[in-house]
């Protein structure tokens, strides 16, 4: 089912003629990981606002890395560095947004 939706989205985007055929691929699982970790980074940063930024970042990196390392022990799954990068990007954008929101809140 996941691949059917992804294939349909890719066909739809490629049929629009905006990009060359096969040039743009959409993987909903990767997008889901990005947004999950975006929300995680946002919420975790708010919950840990009294902690140092370094500790918050270390915890985010540990979670993103450990989710991929755990996949080494699951049949049919594998460790992908690209997935860690996607997860970290989402988490860091959430972290940055939380810092911006907190600084705006302090100014008000």
C-alpha atoms as a PDB file:
ATOM      1  CA  UNK A   1       0.000   0.000   0.000  1.00  0.00           C
ATOM      2  CA  UNK A   2       2.792   2.432   0.918  1.00  0.00           C
ATOM      3  CA  UNK A   3       4.528   1.865  -2.407  1.00  0.00           C
ATOM      4  CA  UNK A   4       1.274   2.202  -4.356  1.00  0.00           C
ATOM      5  CA  UNK A   5       0.689   5.665  -2.870  1.00  0.00           C
ATOM      6  CA  UNK A   6       4.312   6.647  -3.481  1.00  0.00           C
ATOM      7  CA  UNK A   7       4.159   5.385  -7.074  1.00  0.00           C
ATOM      8  CA  UNK A   8       0.907   7.266  -7.666  1.00  0.00           C
ATOM      9  CA  UNK A   9       2.376  10.494  -6.255  1.00  0.00           C
ATOM     10  CA  UNK A  10       5.489  10.113  -8.420  1.00  0.00           C
ATOM     11  CA  UNK A  11       3.386   9.501 -11.550  1.00  0.00           C
ATOM     12  CA  UNK A  12       1.220  12.523 -10.757  1.00  0.00           C
ATOM     13  CA  UNK A  13       4.197  14.832 -10.234  1.00  0.00           C
ATOM     14  CA  UNK A  14       6.009  13.561 -13.331  1.00  0.00           C
ATOM     15  CA  UNK A  15       2.835  13.908 -15.450  1.00  0.00           C
ATOM     16  CA  UNK A  16       2.626  17.621 -14.623  1.00  0.00           C
ATOM     17  CA  UNK A  17       5.670  18.190 -16.809  1.00  0.00           C
ATOM     18  CA  UNK A  18       7.343  20.368 -14.209  1.00  0.00           C
ATOM     19  CA  UNK A  19      10.333  18.043 -13.948  1.00  0.00           C
ATOM     20  CA  UNK A  20      11.833  15.490 -16.297  1.00  0.00           C
ATOM     21  CA  UNK A  21      10.429  11.960 -16.198  1.00  0.00           C
ATOM     22  CA  UNK A  22      11.996  10.015 -13.359  1.00  0.00           C
ATOM     23  CA  UNK A  23      13.986  12.998 -12.125  1.00  0.00           C
ATOM     24  CA  UNK A  24      11.747  13.673  -9.138  1.00  0.00           C
ATOM     25  CA  UNK A  25      10.874  10.825  -6.804  1.00  0.00           C
ATOM     26  CA  UNK A  26       8.726  11.117  -3.737  1.00  0.00           C
ATOM     27  CA  UNK A  27       9.198   8.735  -0.828  1.00  0.00           C
ATOM     28  CA  UNK A  28       6.425   9.227   1.686  1.00  0.00           C
ATOM     29  CA  UNK A  29       8.303   7.232   4.338  1.00  0.00           C
ATOM     30  CA  UNK A  30      11.211   9.705   4.198  1.00  0.00           C
ATOM     31  CA  UNK A  31       8.821  12.663   4.374  1.00  0.00           C
ATOM     32  CA  UNK A  32       7.091  11.025   7.336  1.00  0.00           C
ATOM     33  CA  UNK A  33      10.416  10.554   9.111  1.00  0.00           C
ATOM     34  CA  UNK A  34      11.330  14.190   8.496  1.00  0.00           C
ATOM     35  CA  UNK A  35       8.053  15.481   9.963  1.00  0.00           C
ATOM     36  CA  UNK A  36       8.083  13.030  12.893  1.00  0.00           C
ATOM     37  CA  UNK A  37      11.539  14.207  13.896  1.00  0.00           C
ATOM     38  CA  UNK A  38      10.558  17.826  13.190  1.00  0.00           C
ATOM     39  CA  UNK A  39       7.758  17.472  15.734  1.00  0.00           C
ATOM     40  CA  UNK A  40      10.065  15.580  18.080  1.00  0.00           C
ATOM     41  CA  UNK A  41      12.704  18.329  17.888  1.00  0.00           C
ATOM     42  CA  UNK A  42      10.064  21.004  18.452  1.00  0.00           C
ATOM     43  CA  UNK A  43       8.323  19.332  21.406  1.00  0.00           C
ATOM     44  CA  UNK A  44      11.515  17.990  22.973  1.00  0.00           C
ATOM     45  CA  UNK A  45      13.126  21.430  22.833  1.00  0.00           C
ATOM     46  CA  UNK A  46      10.125  22.988  24.572  1.00  0.00           C
ATOM     47  CA  UNK A  47      10.133  20.273  27.238  1.00  0.00           C
ATOM     48  CA  UNK A  48      13.874  20.656  27.793  1.00  0.00           C
ATOM     49  CA  UNK A  49      14.011  24.469  27.605  1.00  0.00           C
ATOM     50  CA  UNK A  50      15.892  24.616  30.927  1.00  0.00           C
ATOM     51  CA  UNK A  51      18.599  22.242  29.650  1.00  0.00           C
ATOM     52  CA  UNK A  52      21.598  23.493  27.725  1.00  0.00           C
ATOM     53  CA  UNK A  53      21.206  23.576  23.956  1.00  0.00           C
ATOM     54  CA  UNK A  54      24.135  21.193  23.662  1.00  0.00           C
ATOM     55  CA  UNK A  55      22.369  18.539  25.764  1.00  0.00           C
ATOM     56  CA  UNK A  56      19.170  18.886  23.740  1.00  0.00           C
ATOM     57  CA  UNK A  57      21.110  18.456  20.483  1.00  0.00           C
ATOM     58  CA  UNK A  58      23.014  15.453  21.861  1.00  0.00           C
ATOM     59  CA  UNK A  59      19.729  13.787  22.865  1.00  0.00           C
ATOM     60  CA  UNK A  60      18.231  14.448  19.432  1.00  0.00           C
ATOM     61  CA  UNK A  61      21.295  12.973  17.690  1.00  0.00           C
ATOM     62  CA  UNK A  62      21.201   9.917  19.968  1.00  0.00           C
ATOM     63  CA  UNK A  63      17.543   9.250  19.197  1.00  0.00           C
ATOM     64  CA  UNK A  64      17.958   9.675  15.442  1.00  0.00           C
ATOM     65  CA  UNK A  65      21.025   7.434  15.398  1.00  0.00           C
ATOM     66  CA  UNK A  66      19.582   4.786  17.686  1.00  0.00           C
ATOM     67  CA  UNK A  67      16.426   4.365  15.585  1.00  0.00           C
ATOM     68  CA  UNK A  68      18.616   3.463  12.623  1.00  0.00           C
ATOM     69  CA  UNK A  69      20.954   1.236  14.653  1.00  0.00           C
ATOM     70  CA  UNK A  70      17.951  -0.715  15.953  1.00  0.00           C
ATOM     71  CA  UNK A  71      17.049  -1.546  12.360  1.00  0.00           C
ATOM     72  CA  UNK A  72      20.195  -3.660  12.144  1.00  0.00           C
ATOM     73  CA  UNK A  73      18.417  -6.178  14.390  1.00  0.00           C
ATOM     74  CA  UNK A  74      15.131  -6.296  12.449  1.00  0.00           C
ATOM     75  CA  UNK A  75      14.768  -8.720   9.535  1.00  0.00           C
ATOM     76  CA  UNK A  76      14.311  -6.959   6.235  1.00  0.00           C
ATOM     77  CA  UNK A  77      15.571  -3.620   7.541  1.00  0.00           C
ATOM     78  CA  UNK A  78      18.994  -2.030   7.278  1.00  0.00           C
ATOM     79  CA  UNK A  79      20.967   0.933   8.562  1.00  0.00           C
ATOM     80  CA  UNK A  80      20.906   3.848   6.126  1.00  0.00           C
ATOM     81  CA  UNK A  81      22.990   6.921   6.799  1.00  0.00           C
ATOM     82  CA  UNK A  82      20.667   8.906   4.518  1.00  0.00           C
ATOM     83  CA  UNK A  83      17.766   8.162   6.909  1.00  0.00           C
ATOM     84  CA  UNK A  84      19.774   9.498   9.851  1.00  0.00           C
ATOM     85  CA  UNK A  85      20.509  12.668   7.876  1.00  0.00           C
ATOM     86  CA  UNK A  86      16.808  13.118   7.061  1.00  0.00           C
ATOM     87  CA  UNK A  87      15.838  12.521  10.706  1.00  0.00           C
ATOM     88  CA  UNK A  88      18.450  14.974  11.961  1.00  0.00           C
ATOM     89  CA  UNK A  89      17.370  17.630   9.479  1.00  0.00           C
ATOM     90  CA  UNK A  90      13.778  17.367  10.660  1.00  0.00           C
ATOM     91  CA  UNK A  91      14.805  17.457  14.316  1.00  0.00           C
ATOM     92  CA  UNK A  92      17.109  20.434  13.861  1.00  0.00           C
ATOM     93  CA  UNK A  93      14.450  22.422  12.013  1.00  0.00           C
ATOM     94  CA  UNK A  94      12.070  21.698  14.898  1.00  0.00           C
ATOM     95  CA  UNK A  95      14.782  22.714  17.369  1.00  0.00           C
ATOM     96  CA  UNK A  96      15.436  25.964  15.510  1.00  0.00           C
ATOM     97  CA  UNK A  97      11.720  26.763  15.321  1.00  0.00           C
ATOM     98  CA  UNK A  98      11.356  26.180  19.070  1.00  0.00           C
ATOM     99  CA  UNK A  99      14.243  28.564  19.772  1.00  0.00           C
ATOM    100  CA  UNK A 100      12.675  31.205  17.517  1.00  0.00           C
ATOM    101  CA  UNK A 101       9.273  30.816  19.192  1.00  0.00           C
ATOM    102  CA  UNK A 102      10.825  30.986  22.661  1.00  0.00           C
ATOM    103  CA  UNK A 103      12.769  34.136  21.782  1.00  0.00           C
ATOM    104  CA  UNK A 104       9.634  35.783  20.363  1.00  0.00           C
ATOM    105  CA  UNK A 105       7.724  34.811  23.498  1.00  0.00           C
ATOM    106  CA  UNK A 106      10.396  36.392  25.728  1.00  0.00           C
ATOM    107  CA  UNK A 107      10.171  39.661  23.789  1.00  0.00           C
ATOM    108  CA  UNK A 108       6.418  39.939  24.233  1.00  0.00           C
END
